[in-house]
Amino acid sequence: MNTDAISQHVAALSGIPKQPTAADKSRATAKPSVDHLMDTPLPVLINELGVTLIDSGITDAGFFGAVVQRRTGELLLTMPAERSELEHDTVARYLLAQALGLDVPPMPAPIVTTRRWSA
């Protein structure tokens, strides 16, 4: 294999998602208390839980965000980019609480959550 082919192969590897380590899986499956979820600064909470935060391109005013739990336990949280800091923070915490099975009261209208399970 020549040097150019090796360089191309190595460059292609950067696009492949990394396999989670045992520490990643442990963080992704850790279940914080409701108080911790509500009181911890959101960037710290996201890091502690191993959450991947993704800006969504969905512009529909009725879309507040979504959270997906991968088979590895990792949580992917996608949120509309053009929302207020208060809305972003509040909805992110609520969606994480729902995904983690924490007992929190429902959000007021118009925010409605739906749970979908896949096999």
Protein backbone atom coordinates (compact mmCIF):
# COMPACT_ATOMS: atom_id res chain seq x y z
CA MET A 1 0.00 0.00 0.00
CA ASN A 2 1.51 3.38 -0.97
CA THR A 3 1.68 6.44 1.29
CA ASP A 4 -1.22 8.22 -0.47
CA ALA A 5 -3.50 5.22 -0.04
CA ILE A 6 -2.61 5.00 3.66
CA SER A 7 -3.29 8.71 4.14
CA GLN A 8 -6.69 8.37 2.46
CA HIS A 9 -7.54 5.36 4.61
CA VAL A 10 -6.58 7.17 7.84
CA ALA A 11 -8.51 10.28 6.78
CA ALA A 12 -11.62 8.17 6.16
CA LEU A 13 -11.46 6.78 9.70
CA SER A 14 -12.18 10.21 11.21
CA GLY A 15 -15.72 10.01 9.81
CA ILE A 16 -16.48 6.75 11.58
CA PRO A 17 -18.17 7.25 14.98
CA LYS A 18 -15.98 6.05 17.83
CA GLN A 19 -17.00 3.00 19.77
CA PRO A 20 -18.04 3.92 23.31
CA THR A 21 -15.67 2.97 26.09
CA ALA A 22 -16.82 1.41 29.36
CA ALA A 23 -16.58 4.89 30.94
CA ASP A 24 -18.77 6.34 28.18
CA LYS A 25 -21.39 3.64 28.71
CA SER A 26 -21.30 4.15 32.48
CA ARG A 27 -21.84 7.90 32.12
CA ALA A 28 -24.59 7.39 29.55
CA THR A 29 -26.50 5.02 31.82
CA ALA A 30 -26.01 6.98 35.07
CA LYS A 31 -29.31 8.26 36.43
CA PRO A 32 -29.07 11.59 38.26
CA SER A 33 -31.57 12.79 40.84
CA VAL A 34 -34.22 15.28 39.73
CA ASP A 35 -32.54 17.95 41.90
CA HIS A 36 -29.19 17.32 40.20
CA LEU A 37 -30.81 17.40 36.76
CA MET A 38 -32.49 20.74 37.50
CA ASP A 39 -29.67 22.46 39.44
CA THR A 40 -26.51 21.52 37.53
CA PRO A 41 -25.44 23.96 34.80
CA LEU A 42 -26.64 22.45 31.50
CA PRO A 43 -23.18 22.17 29.86
CA VAL A 44 -21.90 20.32 32.95
CA LEU A 45 -24.95 18.04 33.02
CA ILE A 46 -24.59 17.20 29.33
CA ASN A 47 -20.94 16.32 29.88
CA GLU A 48 -21.66 14.23 32.99
CA LEU A 49 -24.32 12.22 31.19
CA GLY A 50 -22.25 11.80 28.03
CA VAL A 51 -25.02 13.41 25.97
CA THR A 52 -24.33 14.39 22.36
CA LEU A 53 -26.04 17.73 21.69
CA ILE A 54 -26.99 18.41 18.08
CA ASP A 55 -28.42 21.64 16.62
CA SER A 56 -31.52 20.75 14.62
CA GLY A 57 -32.33 22.28 11.27
CA ILE A 58 -36.07 21.81 11.92
CA THR A 59 -37.69 25.26 11.90
CA ASP A 60 -41.28 24.21 12.71
CA ALA A 61 -42.43 26.32 15.69
CA GLY A 62 -44.08 23.21 17.16
CA PHE A 63 -40.80 21.29 17.35
CA PHE A 64 -39.06 21.82 20.67
CA GLY A 65 -36.47 19.05 20.45
CA ALA A 66 -35.96 15.31 20.62
CA VAL A 67 -33.85 12.84 22.52
CA VAL A 68 -32.81 9.42 21.26
CA GLN A 69 -31.16 6.70 23.30
CA ARG A 70 -28.78 4.59 21.23
CA ARG A 71 -28.31 0.89 21.92
CA THR A 72 -25.03 1.79 23.65
CA GLY A 73 -27.01 3.87 26.16
CA GLU A 74 -25.69 7.15 24.73
CA LEU A 75 -28.25 9.94 24.58
CA LEU A 76 -28.48 12.15 21.49
CA LEU A 77 -30.28 15.42 22.18
CA THR A 78 -31.30 17.56 19.22
CA MET A 79 -32.66 21.05 19.76
CA PRO A 80 -33.71 23.89 17.45
CA ALA A 81 -30.84 26.38 17.26
CA GLU A 82 -32.90 29.57 17.14
CA ARG A 83 -34.69 29.36 20.49
CA SER A 84 -34.21 31.49 23.60
CA GLU A 85 -31.68 30.37 26.20
CA LEU A 86 -34.50 29.82 28.72
CA GLU A 87 -36.49 27.63 26.32
CA HIS A 88 -33.40 25.69 25.26
CA ASP A 89 -32.38 25.04 28.88
CA THR A 90 -35.87 24.13 30.10
CA VAL A 91 -36.77 21.81 27.23
CA ALA A 92 -33.34 20.12 27.24
CA ARG A 93 -33.67 19.29 30.95
CA TYR A 94 -37.24 18.05 30.50
CA LEU A 95 -36.36 15.82 27.55
CA LEU A 96 -33.39 14.38 29.45
CA ALA A 97 -35.62 13.72 32.46
CA GLN A 98 -38.09 11.88 30.22
CA ALA A 99 -35.35 9.82 28.58
CA LEU A 100 -33.86 8.88 31.95
CA GLY A 101 -37.25 7.94 33.41
CA LEU A 102 -37.14 10.63 36.11
CA ASP A 103 -40.41 11.62 37.76
CA VAL A 104 -41.04 15.21 36.68
CA PRO A 105 -44.39 16.94 36.12
CA PRO A 106 -45.53 17.39 32.52
CA MET A 107 -44.67 20.58 30.68
CA PRO A 108 -47.47 23.07 30.06
CA ALA A 109 -49.08 23.33 26.61
CA PRO A 110 -48.05 23.60 23.85
CA ILE A 111 -45.13 21.31 24.77
CA VAL A 112 -46.17 17.67 24.44
CA THR A 113 -43.80 14.71 24.50
CA THR A 114 -44.22 11.42 22.71
CA ARG A 115 -42.32 8.23 23.47
CA ARG A 116 -41.49 5.84 20.70
CA TRP A 117 -39.74 2.53 21.21
CA SER A 118 -37.90 0.54 18.61
CA ALA A 119 -36.88 -3.08 18.78
